[in-house]
């Protein structure tokens, strides 16, 4: 089993794309191969975006929070 928690590659992607792009490709391939799954905590309709932000800011989220258009 594999898990990844709290990854942020923003700055690294901007300044070192030759290092991060293969990593992202590998992560996406593992998700496609079902060797790694994304934890979806909660879904909100786009009309409730402010509630979704409050939920995230309350630090209750355990996984991704999804806005649905």
PDB file of N, CA and C in Angstrom:
ATOM      1  N   UNK A   1       0.834  -1.188   0.000  1.00  0.00           N
ATOM      2  CA  UNK A   1       0.000   0.000   0.000  1.00  0.00           C
ATOM      3  C   UNK A   1       0.872   1.243   0.000  1.00  0.00           C
ATOM      4  N   UNK A   2       0.374   2.271  -0.641  1.00  0.00           N
ATOM      5  CA  UNK A   2       1.113   3.533  -0.703  1.00  0.00           C
ATOM      6  C   UNK A   2       0.180   4.676  -0.354  1.00  0.00           C
ATOM      7  N   UNK A   3       0.739   5.686   0.264  1.00  0.00           N
ATOM      8  CA  UNK A   3      -0.047   6.884   0.542  1.00  0.00           C
ATOM      9  C   UNK A   3       0.846   8.107   0.450  1.00  0.00           C
ATOM     10  N   UNK A   4       0.220   9.223   0.107  1.00  0.00           N
ATOM     11  CA  UNK A   4       0.913  10.504   0.031  1.00  0.00           C
ATOM     12  C   UNK A   4       0.042  11.500   0.779  1.00  0.00           C
ATOM     13  N   UNK A   5       0.648  12.261   1.633  1.00  0.00           N
ATOM     14  CA  UNK A   5      -0.102  13.234   2.422  1.00  0.00           C
ATOM     15  C   UNK A   5       0.542  14.600   2.305  1.00  0.00           C
ATOM     16  N   UNK A   6      -0.259  15.607   1.985  1.00  0.00           N
ATOM     17  CA  UNK A   6       0.192  16.991   2.038  1.00  0.00           C
ATOM     18  C   UNK A   6       1.302  17.379   1.088  1.00  0.00           C
ATOM     19  N   UNK A   7       1.150  17.068  -0.176  1.00  0.00           N
ATOM     20  CA  UNK A   7       2.179  17.428  -1.148  1.00  0.00           C
ATOM     21  C   UNK A   7       1.820  18.760  -1.813  1.00  0.00           C
ATOM     22  N   UNK A   8       2.765  19.695  -1.837  1.00  0.00           N
ATOM     23  CA  UNK A   8       2.594  20.958  -2.559  1.00  0.00           C
ATOM     24  C   UNK A   8       3.848  21.177  -3.388  1.00  0.00           C
ATOM     25  N   UNK A   9       3.680  21.212  -4.694  1.00  0.00           N
ATOM     26  CA  UNK A   9       4.827  21.341  -5.592  1.00  0.00           C
ATOM     27  C   UNK A   9       4.843  22.668  -6.336  1.00  0.00           C
ATOM     28  N   UNK A  10       4.053  23.635  -5.919  1.00  0.00           N
ATOM     29  CA  UNK A  10       3.907  24.891  -6.648  1.00  0.00           C
ATOM     30  C   UNK A  10       5.208  25.576  -6.997  1.00  0.00           C
ATOM     31  N   UNK A  11       6.017  25.917  -6.022  1.00  0.00           N
ATOM     32  CA  UNK A  11       7.281  26.616  -6.263  1.00  0.00           C
ATOM     33  C   UNK A  11       8.246  25.718  -7.029  1.00  0.00           C
ATOM     34  N   UNK A  12       8.300  24.460  -6.632  1.00  0.00           N
ATOM     35  CA  UNK A  12       9.201  23.515  -7.298  1.00  0.00           C
ATOM     36  C   UNK A  12       8.827  23.357  -8.771  1.00  0.00           C
ATOM     37  N   UNK A  13       7.529  23.324  -9.079  1.00  0.00           N
ATOM     38  CA  UNK A  13       7.088  23.199 -10.472  1.00  0.00           C
ATOM     39  C   UNK A  13       7.499  24.410 -11.287  1.00  0.00           C
ATOM     40  N   UNK A  14       7.455  25.578 -10.681  1.00  0.00           N
ATOM     41  CA  UNK A  14       7.800  26.803 -11.399  1.00  0.00           C
ATOM     42  C   UNK A  14       9.289  26.889 -11.697  1.00  0.00           C
ATOM     43  N   UNK A  15      10.112  26.458 -10.747  1.00  0.00           N
ATOM     44  CA  UNK A  15      11.553  26.641 -10.889  1.00  0.00           C
ATOM     45  C   UNK A  15      12.313  25.385 -11.296  1.00  0.00           C
ATOM     46  N   UNK A  16      11.678  24.234 -11.221  1.00  0.00           N
ATOM     47  CA  UNK A  16      12.376  22.993 -11.533  1.00  0.00           C
ATOM     48  C   UNK A  16      11.426  22.012 -12.237  1.00  0.00           C
ATOM     49  N   UNK A  17      10.826  22.421 -13.366  1.00  0.00           N
ATOM     50  CA  UNK A  17       9.851  21.549 -14.024  1.00  0.00           C
ATOM     51  C   UNK A  17      10.446  20.240 -14.527  1.00  0.00           C
ATOM     52  N   UNK A  18      11.723  20.228 -14.888  1.00  0.00           N
ATOM     53  CA  UNK A  18      12.326  18.986 -15.375  1.00  0.00           C
ATOM     54  C   UNK A  18      12.374  17.922 -14.285  1.00  0.00           C
ATOM     55  N   UNK A  19      12.285  18.329 -13.044  1.00  0.00           N
ATOM     56  CA  UNK A  19      12.267  17.376 -11.923  1.00  0.00           C
ATOM     57  C   UNK A  19      10.834  17.002 -11.536  1.00  0.00           C
ATOM     58  N   UNK A  20       9.929  17.975 -11.548  1.00  0.00           N
ATOM     59  CA  UNK A  20       8.581  17.722 -11.051  1.00  0.00           C
ATOM     60  C   UNK A  20       7.650  17.091 -12.081  1.00  0.00           C
ATOM     61  N   UNK A  21       7.809  17.389 -13.359  1.00  0.00           N
ATOM     62  CA  UNK A  21       6.900  16.830 -14.364  1.00  0.00           C
ATOM     63  C   UNK A  21       6.942  15.305 -14.396  1.00  0.00           C
ATOM     64  N   UNK A  22       8.115  14.661 -14.355  1.00  0.00           N
ATOM     65  CA  UNK A  22       8.119  13.194 -14.294  1.00  0.00           C
ATOM     66  C   UNK A  22       7.455  12.661 -13.017  1.00  0.00           C
ATOM     67  N   UNK A  23       7.629  13.360 -11.910  1.00  0.00           N
ATOM     68  CA  UNK A  23       7.007  12.948 -10.652  1.00  0.00           C
ATOM     69  C   UNK A  23       5.486  12.993 -10.767  1.00  0.00           C
ATOM     70  N   UNK A  24       4.970  14.078 -11.316  1.00  0.00           N
ATOM     71  CA  UNK A  24       3.524  14.211 -11.483  1.00  0.00           C
ATOM     72  C   UNK A  24       3.003  13.146 -12.444  1.00  0.00           C
ATOM     73  N   UNK A  25       3.736  12.904 -13.521  1.00  0.00           N
ATOM     74  CA  UNK A  25       3.351  11.852 -14.459  1.00  0.00           C
ATOM     75  C   UNK A  25       3.287  10.494 -13.788  1.00  0.00           C
ATOM     76  N   UNK A  26       4.255  10.214 -12.935  1.00  0.00           N
ATOM     77  CA  UNK A  26       4.281   8.951 -12.199  1.00  0.00           C
ATOM     78  C   UNK A  26       3.090   8.838 -11.248  1.00  0.00           C
ATOM     79  N   UNK A  27       2.772   9.920 -10.554  1.00  0.00           N
ATOM     80  CA  UNK A  27       1.620   9.908  -9.644  1.00  0.00           C
ATOM     81  C   UNK A  27       0.321   9.673 -10.409  1.00  0.00           C
ATOM     82  N   UNK A  28       0.150  10.370 -11.538  1.00  0.00           N
ATOM     83  CA  UNK A  28      -1.062  10.196 -12.335  1.00  0.00           C
ATOM     84  C   UNK A  28      -1.168   8.777 -12.882  1.00  0.00           C
ATOM     85  N   UNK A  29      -0.046   8.199 -13.277  1.00  0.00           N
ATOM     86  CA  UNK A  29      -0.065   6.822 -13.775  1.00  0.00           C
ATOM     87  C   UNK A  29      -0.454   5.845 -12.668  1.00  0.00           C
ATOM     88  N   UNK A  30       0.049   6.067 -11.461  1.00  0.00           N
ATOM     89  CA  UNK A  30      -0.319   5.200 -10.330  1.00  0.00           C
ATOM     90  C   UNK A  30      -1.808   5.307 -10.015  1.00  0.00           C
ATOM     91  N   UNK A  31      -2.358   6.510 -10.136  1.00  0.00           N
ATOM     92  CA  UNK A  31      -3.802   6.675  -9.931  1.00  0.00           C
ATOM     93  C   UNK A  31      -4.558   5.925 -11.022  1.00  0.00           C
ATOM     94  N   UNK A  32      -4.129   6.068 -12.284  1.00  0.00           N
ATOM     95  CA  UNK A  32      -4.774   5.378 -13.405  1.00  0.00           C
ATOM     96  C   UNK A  32      -4.698   3.864 -13.244  1.00  0.00           C
ATOM     97  N   UNK A  33      -3.580   3.363 -12.715  1.00  0.00           N
ATOM     98  CA  UNK A  33      -3.386   1.923 -12.502  1.00  0.00           C
ATOM     99  C   UNK A  33      -4.035   1.436 -11.210  1.00  0.00           C
ATOM    100  N   UNK A  34      -4.699   2.322 -10.500  1.00  0.00           N
ATOM    101  CA  UNK A  34      -5.358   2.041  -9.223  1.00  0.00           C
ATOM    102  C   UNK A  34      -4.388   1.522  -8.162  1.00  0.00           C
ATOM    103  N   UNK A  35      -3.157   1.982  -8.236  1.00  0.00           N
ATOM    104  CA  UNK A  35      -2.164   1.668  -7.213  1.00  0.00           C
ATOM    105  C   UNK A  35      -2.113   2.763  -6.153  1.00  0.00           C
ATOM    106  N   UNK A  36      -2.755   3.876  -6.447  1.00  0.00           N
ATOM    107  CA  UNK A  36      -2.819   5.016  -5.541  1.00  0.00           C
ATOM    108  C   UNK A  36      -4.194   5.640  -5.736  1.00  0.00           C
ATOM    109  N   UNK A  37      -4.882   5.906  -4.647  1.00  0.00           N
ATOM    110  CA  UNK A  37      -6.215   6.491  -4.774  1.00  0.00           C
ATOM    111  C   UNK A  37      -6.258   7.865  -4.124  1.00  0.00           C
ATOM    112  N   UNK A  38      -7.171   8.665  -4.603  1.00  0.00           N
ATOM    113  CA  UNK A  38      -7.372  10.007  -4.074  1.00  0.00           C
ATOM    114  C   UNK A  38      -8.518   9.931  -3.070  1.00  0.00           C
ATOM    115  N   UNK A  39      -8.293  10.461  -1.876  1.00  0.00           N
ATOM    116  CA  UNK A  39      -9.335  10.470  -0.852  1.00  0.00           C
ATOM    117  C   UNK A  39     -10.195  11.708  -1.065  1.00  0.00           C
ATOM    118  N   UNK A  40     -11.460  11.477  -1.350  1.00  0.00           N
ATOM    119  CA  UNK A  40     -12.407  12.569  -1.542  1.00  0.00           C
ATOM    120  C   UNK A  40     -13.227  12.694  -0.271  1.00  0.00           C
ATOM    121  N   UNK A  41     -13.039  13.789   0.436  1.00  0.00           N
ATOM    122  CA  UNK A  41     -13.713  13.981   1.714  1.00  0.00           C
ATOM    123  C   UNK A  41     -15.144  14.456   1.541  1.00  0.00           C
ATOM    124  N   UNK A  42     -15.333  15.507   0.761  1.00  0.00           N
ATOM    125  CA  UNK A  42     -16.659  16.107   0.687  1.00  0.00           C
ATOM    126  C   UNK A  42     -16.846  16.811  -0.649  1.00  0.00           C
ATOM    127  N   UNK A  43     -18.088  16.801  -1.146  1.00  0.00           N
ATOM    128  CA  UNK A  43     -18.450  17.497  -2.382  1.00  0.00           C
ATOM    129  C   UNK A  43     -19.399  18.638  -2.045  1.00  0.00           C
ATOM    130  N   UNK A  44     -19.187  19.770  -2.709  1.00  0.00           N
ATOM    131  CA  UNK A  44     -20.064  20.925  -2.556  1.00  0.00           C
ATOM    132  C   UNK A  44     -20.481  21.398  -3.935  1.00  0.00           C
ATOM    133  N   UNK A  45     -21.755  21.798  -4.106  1.00  0.00           N
ATOM    134  CA  UNK A  45     -22.109  22.455  -5.365  1.00  0.00           C
ATOM    135  C   UNK A  45     -21.405  23.808  -5.432  1.00  0.00           C
ATOM    136  N   UNK A  46     -21.116  24.256  -6.625  1.00  0.00           N
ATOM    137  CA  UNK A  46     -20.411  25.524  -6.810  1.00  0.00           C
ATOM    138  C   UNK A  46     -21.126  26.675  -6.103  1.00  0.00           C
ATOM    139  N   UNK A  47     -22.434  26.592  -6.023  1.00  0.00           N
ATOM    140  CA  UNK A  47     -23.200  27.645  -5.342  1.00  0.00           C
ATOM    141  C   UNK A  47     -22.890  27.714  -3.847  1.00  0.00           C
ATOM    142  N   UNK A  48     -22.244  26.671  -3.308  1.00  0.00           N
ATOM    143  CA  UNK A  48     -21.871  26.645  -1.892  1.00  0.00           C
ATOM    144  C   UNK A  48     -20.356  26.761  -1.708  1.00  0.00           C
ATOM    145  N   UNK A  49     -19.713  27.459  -2.628  1.00  0.00           N
ATOM    146  CA  UNK A  49     -18.250  27.599  -2.560  1.00  0.00           C
ATOM    147  C   UNK A  49     -17.799  28.231  -1.250  1.00  0.00           C
ATOM    148  N   UNK A  50     -18.548  29.196  -0.752  1.00  0.00           N
ATOM    149  CA  UNK A  50     -18.147  29.833   0.510  1.00  0.00           C
ATOM    150  C   UNK A  50     -18.208  28.842   1.666  1.00  0.00           C
ATOM    151  N   UNK A  51     -19.205  27.948   1.667  1.00  0.00           N
ATOM    152  CA  UNK A  51     -19.277  26.917   2.702  1.00  0.00           C
ATOM    153  C   UNK A  51     -18.103  25.946   2.579  1.00  0.00           C
ATOM    154  N   UNK A  52     -17.737  25.628   1.343  1.00  0.00           N
ATOM    155  CA  UNK A  52     -16.596  24.735   1.120  1.00  0.00           C
ATOM    156  C   UNK A  52     -15.315  25.353   1.666  1.00  0.00           C
ATOM    157  N   UNK A  53     -15.128  26.641   1.431  1.00  0.00           N
ATOM    158  CA  UNK A  53     -13.943  27.324   1.955  1.00  0.00           C
ATOM    159  C   UNK A  53     -13.943  27.325   3.479  1.00  0.00           C
ATOM    160  N   UNK A  54     -15.102  27.564   4.063  1.00  0.00           N
ATOM    161  CA  UNK A  54     -15.182  27.536   5.533  1.00  0.00           C
ATOM    162  C   UNK A  54     -14.837  26.147   6.063  1.00  0.00           C
ATOM    163  N   UNK A  55     -15.314  25.126   5.368  1.00  0.00           N
ATOM    164  CA  UNK A  55     -15.030  23.745   5.774  1.00  0.00           C
ATOM    165  C   UNK A  55     -13.524  23.472   5.735  1.00  0.00           C
ATOM    166  N   UNK A  56     -12.876  23.888   4.668  1.00  0.00           N
ATOM    167  CA  UNK A  56     -11.424  23.697   4.551  1.00  0.00           C
ATOM    168  C   UNK A  56     -10.694  24.490   5.627  1.00  0.00           C
ATOM    169  N   UNK A  57     -11.087  25.746   5.809  1.00  0.00           N
ATOM    170  CA  UNK A  57     -10.423  26.602   6.793  1.00  0.00           C
ATOM    171  C   UNK A  57     -10.628  26.115   8.224  1.00  0.00           C
ATOM    172  N   UNK A  58     -11.711  25.372   8.465  1.00  0.00           N
ATOM    173  CA  UNK A  58     -11.960  24.847   9.812  1.00  0.00           C
ATOM    174  C   UNK A  58     -11.034  23.673  10.136  1.00  0.00           C
ATOM    175  N   UNK A  59     -10.285  23.220   9.135  1.00  0.00           N
ATOM    176  CA  UNK A  59      -9.329  22.125   9.270  1.00  0.00           C
ATOM    177  C   UNK A  59     -10.010  20.797   9.607  1.00  0.00           C
ATOM    178  N   UNK A  60     -11.266  20.659   9.173  1.00  0.00           N
ATOM    179  CA  UNK A  60     -11.998  19.407   9.360  1.00  0.00           C
ATOM    180  C   UNK A  60     -11.794  18.456   8.185  1.00  0.00           C
ATOM    181  N   UNK A  61     -11.360  18.981   7.063  1.00  0.00           N
ATOM    182  CA  UNK A  61     -11.240  18.170   5.849  1.00  0.00           C
ATOM    183  C   UNK A  61     -10.164  17.107   6.015  1.00  0.00           C
ATOM    184  N   UNK A  62     -10.496  15.899   5.565  1.00  0.00           N
ATOM    185  CA  UNK A  62      -9.534  14.800   5.547  1.00  0.00           C
ATOM    186  C   UNK A  62      -9.503  14.258   4.125  1.00  0.00           C
ATOM    187  N   UNK A  63      -8.841  14.938   3.260  1.00  0.00           N
ATOM    188  CA  UNK A  63      -8.819  14.564   1.852  1.00  0.00           C
ATOM    189  C   UNK A  63      -9.213  15.759   1.005  1.00  0.00           C
ATOM    190  N   UNK A  64      -9.538  15.487  -0.226  1.00  0.00           N
ATOM    191  CA  UNK A  64      -9.882  16.550  -1.171  1.00  0.00           C
ATOM    192  C   UNK A  64     -11.306  17.022  -0.944  1.00  0.00           C
ATOM    193  N   UNK A  65     -11.511  18.293  -1.172  1.00  0.00           N
ATOM    194  CA  UNK A  65     -12.838  18.895  -1.152  1.00  0.00           C
ATOM    195  C   UNK A  65     -13.124  19.326  -2.583  1.00  0.00           C
ATOM    196  N   UNK A  66     -14.238  18.862  -3.120  1.00  0.00           N
ATOM    197  CA  UNK A  66     -14.543  19.041  -4.536  1.00  0.00           C
ATOM    198  C   UNK A  66     -15.711  20.002  -4.719  1.00  0.00           C
ATOM    199  N   UNK A  67     -15.530  20.985  -5.606  1.00  0.00           N
ATOM    200  CA  UNK A  67     -16.624  21.871  -6.007  1.00  0.00           C
ATOM    201  C   UNK A  67     -17.196  21.346  -7.318  1.00  0.00           C
ATOM    202  N   UNK A  68     -18.512  21.180  -7.363  1.00  0.00           N
ATOM    203  CA  UNK A  68     -19.171  20.638  -8.544  1.00  0.00           C
ATOM    204  C   UNK A  68     -19.928  21.758  -9.257  1.00  0.00           C
ATOM    205  N   UNK A  69     -19.594  22.018 -10.544  1.00  0.00           N
ATOM    206  CA  UNK A  69     -20.281  23.096 -11.279  1.00  0.00           C
ATOM    207  C   UNK A  69     -21.753  22.778 -11.509  1.00  0.00           C
TER     208      UNK A  69
END
